Protein backbone atom coordinates (compact mmCIF):
# COMPACT_ATOMS: atom_id res chain seq x y z
CA MET A 1 107.42 81.17 126.41
CA THR A 2 107.00 78.31 123.98
CA ALA A 3 109.33 75.34 124.01
CA ARG A 4 112.60 75.69 122.15
CA ARG A 5 113.11 73.52 119.11
CA ILE A 6 116.32 71.60 118.69
CA VAL A 7 118.70 73.63 116.58
CA ASP A 8 122.35 73.58 115.58
CA LEU A 9 125.10 76.20 115.79
CA ALA A 10 125.05 76.97 112.08
CA SER A 11 121.31 77.69 112.20
CA LEU A 12 121.72 79.84 115.29
CA SER A 13 124.56 81.77 113.70
CA ALA A 14 122.40 82.47 110.64
CA ALA A 15 119.20 83.17 112.57
CA THR A 16 117.42 86.49 112.84
CA ARG A 17 117.57 88.15 116.24
CA ASP A 18 113.97 87.12 116.96
CA ASP A 19 114.60 83.46 116.03
CA PHE A 20 117.86 83.42 117.99
CA VAL A 21 116.15 84.76 121.10
CA ALA A 22 113.20 82.40 120.62
CA ALA A 23 115.60 79.45 120.51
CA LEU A 24 117.83 80.53 123.41
CA GLY A 25 115.77 82.95 125.50
CA GLY A 26 115.09 80.36 128.19
CA ILE A 27 118.64 79.06 128.55
CA PHE A 28 118.98 81.54 131.41
CA GLU A 29 115.67 81.09 133.29
CA HIS A 30 113.02 83.58 132.08
CA THR A 31 115.78 85.97 130.97
CA PRO A 32 115.80 86.46 127.18
CA TRP A 33 117.90 89.63 127.38
CA ILE A 34 120.98 87.44 127.84
CA ALA A 35 120.37 85.75 124.47
CA GLU A 36 119.73 89.19 122.97
CA GLY A 37 123.06 90.37 124.36
CA ALA A 38 124.92 87.37 122.90
CA TYR A 39 123.40 87.75 119.44
CA ALA A 40 126.05 90.21 118.21
CA ALA A 41 128.82 87.69 118.89
CA ARG A 42 127.64 85.40 116.06
CA PRO A 43 128.85 83.25 114.37
CA PHE A 44 129.60 80.67 117.03
CA ALA A 45 132.25 78.07 116.33
CA SER A 46 131.30 75.95 119.35
CA VAL A 47 128.88 75.58 122.22
CA ASP A 48 131.66 76.93 124.43
CA ALA A 49 131.85 80.09 122.28
CA LEU A 50 128.08 80.55 122.52
CA HIS A 51 128.16 79.98 126.28
CA ARG A 52 131.02 82.49 126.67
CA ALA A 53 129.03 85.09 124.71
CA MET A 54 125.99 84.55 126.92
CA VAL A 55 128.10 84.70 130.10
CA ALA A 56 129.71 87.91 128.83
CA ALA A 57 126.24 89.44 128.30
CA LEU A 58 125.38 88.50 131.88
CA ALA A 59 128.68 89.81 133.24
CA ALA A 60 128.06 93.20 131.60
CA ALA A 61 124.67 93.53 133.31
CA PRO A 62 124.13 95.73 136.35
CA PRO A 63 123.70 94.07 139.76
CA GLU A 64 119.92 94.67 139.69
CA ALA A 65 119.57 92.65 136.47
CA LYS A 66 121.67 89.84 137.95
CA LEU A 67 119.50 89.85 141.06
CA ALA A 68 116.39 89.62 138.89
CA LEU A 69 117.93 86.62 137.12
CA ILE A 70 118.63 84.89 140.43
CA ARG A 71 115.09 85.63 141.58
CA ALA A 72 113.71 84.19 138.31
CA HIS A 73 114.88 80.75 139.41
CA PRO A 74 112.39 78.51 141.18
CA GLU A 75 113.06 77.10 144.60
CA LEU A 76 114.08 73.46 144.58
CA ALA A 77 110.98 71.32 145.21
CA GLY A 78 109.17 74.60 145.90
CA LYS A 79 105.78 76.06 145.08
CA GLU A 80 106.38 76.04 141.31
CA ALA A 81 107.09 72.29 141.42
CA VAL A 82 103.95 71.69 143.46
CA ALA A 83 101.86 73.86 141.12
CA GLY A 84 103.34 72.28 138.00
CA THR A 85 104.56 75.64 136.70
CA LEU A 86 108.29 74.89 136.38
CA THR A 87 109.84 75.45 132.97
CA VAL A 88 110.48 72.26 131.01
CA ASP A 89 114.21 72.62 131.73
CA SER A 90 113.77 73.20 135.48
CA GLU A 91 111.35 70.31 135.77
CA ALA A 92 113.80 67.94 134.03
CA GLU A 93 116.73 69.17 136.15
CA GLN A 94 114.87 68.82 139.44
CA SER A 95 113.50 65.43 138.41
CA SER A 96 116.98 64.18 137.44
CA ALA A 97 118.10 64.98 140.99
CA GLY A 98 115.14 63.09 142.47
CA LEU A 99 113.50 66.21 143.86
CA ASP A 100 110.14 65.06 142.53
CA ARG A 101 110.50 61.94 144.68
CA CYS A 102 111.41 63.42 148.07
CA THR A 103 110.32 61.82 151.29
CA ALA A 104 108.22 63.95 153.65
CA ASP A 105 111.35 64.57 155.75
CA GLU A 106 113.41 65.61 152.72
CA LEU A 107 110.64 67.98 151.58
CA THR A 108 110.52 69.54 155.04
CA GLN A 109 114.31 69.98 155.05
CA LEU A 110 114.28 71.53 151.57
CA ARG A 111 111.39 73.87 152.25
CA ASP A 112 112.73 74.96 155.63
CA GLY A 113 116.18 75.46 154.11
CA ASN A 114 114.76 77.37 151.14
CA ARG A 115 112.80 79.63 153.48
CA ALA A 116 115.82 80.31 155.71
CA TYR A 117 118.05 80.96 152.69
CA ARG A 118 115.58 83.40 151.10
CA GLN A 119 115.07 85.20 154.41
CA LYS A 120 118.82 85.56 154.96
CA PHE A 121 119.90 86.51 151.42
CA GLY A 122 116.78 87.92 149.73
CA PHE A 123 116.84 85.49 146.81
CA PRO A 124 116.33 81.75 146.27
CA PHE A 125 118.96 79.07 146.74
CA VAL A 126 120.23 78.24 143.25
CA MET A 127 122.24 75.13 142.49
CA ALA A 128 122.95 73.25 139.27
CA VAL A 129 121.33 69.99 140.37
CA LYS A 130 121.40 67.98 137.15
CA HIS A 131 124.16 65.59 138.27
CA CYS A 132 123.43 65.72 142.00
CA GLY A 133 121.52 63.63 144.48
CA LYS A 134 119.09 64.82 147.13
CA ARG A 135 121.57 64.41 150.00
CA GLU A 136 124.21 66.45 148.14
CA ILE A 137 121.65 69.21 147.52
CA LEU A 138 120.44 69.25 151.13
CA ASP A 139 124.03 69.34 152.41
CA ALA A 140 124.92 72.19 150.04
CA LEU A 141 121.87 74.17 151.11
CA GLN A 142 122.81 73.84 154.78
CA ALA A 143 126.46 74.69 154.14
CA ARG A 144 125.66 77.72 152.01
CA LEU A 145 123.38 79.16 154.69
CA ALA A 146 126.60 79.99 156.58
CA GLY A 147 127.82 82.23 153.74
CA THR A 148 127.60 85.96 153.25
CA ARG A 149 125.12 87.65 150.92
CA GLY A 150 127.89 88.80 148.59
CA ALA A 151 129.45 85.35 148.38
CA GLU A 152 126.09 83.70 147.81
CA PHE A 153 125.14 86.25 145.15
CA GLU A 154 128.31 85.36 143.23
CA ARG A 155 127.81 81.64 143.87
CA CYS A 156 124.26 81.79 142.50
CA ILE A 157 125.50 83.53 139.35
CA ALA A 158 128.19 80.84 138.93
CA GLU A 159 125.59 78.09 139.43
CA ILE A 160 123.30 79.76 136.88
CA GLU A 161 126.16 79.87 134.38
CA THR A 162 126.64 76.12 134.92
CA ILE A 163 122.92 75.50 134.49
CA ALA A 164 123.00 77.46 131.22
CA ARG A 165 125.97 75.44 129.96
CA LEU A 166 124.17 72.18 130.72
CA ARG A 167 121.05 73.46 128.95
CA LEU A 168 123.06 74.47 125.88
CA ILE A 169 124.65 71.01 125.76
CA ALA A 170 121.20 69.41 126.05
CA LEU A 171 119.96 71.58 123.19
CA LEU A 172 122.98 71.52 120.89
CA GLY A 173 125.29 68.73 122.04
CA ASP A 174 128.75 69.55 123.34
CA GLY A 175 130.33 70.37 119.96
């Protein structure tokens, strides 16, 4: 997917479906169907209204689609980061949390934790890391390993909704 251009709410509200999806299709990682689902709720009076429409599209999805969304997220400091294949948004988010500057010990903790989490739950550990530090992320990963699959599934969806909100603010401002 090509990079989104900076847009405003008025332009989004007036956009064709294709342009709307092109602008917002990556807000939820590799999941343009959420933008497609929110399109009918135009016009949007605020970023909050747009976010609510996107969250509503996600909420209406079957569990398999939600699982696919969770699985579309890269592991923190994982193979995508090493290969340089993170989306622009994911790369910026992980970098803002210092995950591109981990010590060898921190990388080992993250990768071991990611592996254990994926083995236990069947999907990657997802956390909105934009305003977090490495220690906070590592602690959250360890704490969440004690959870149940159902609770972690819901937690990942909530974290993804937060990530999407932060991405919308970065794209449009908070107005």
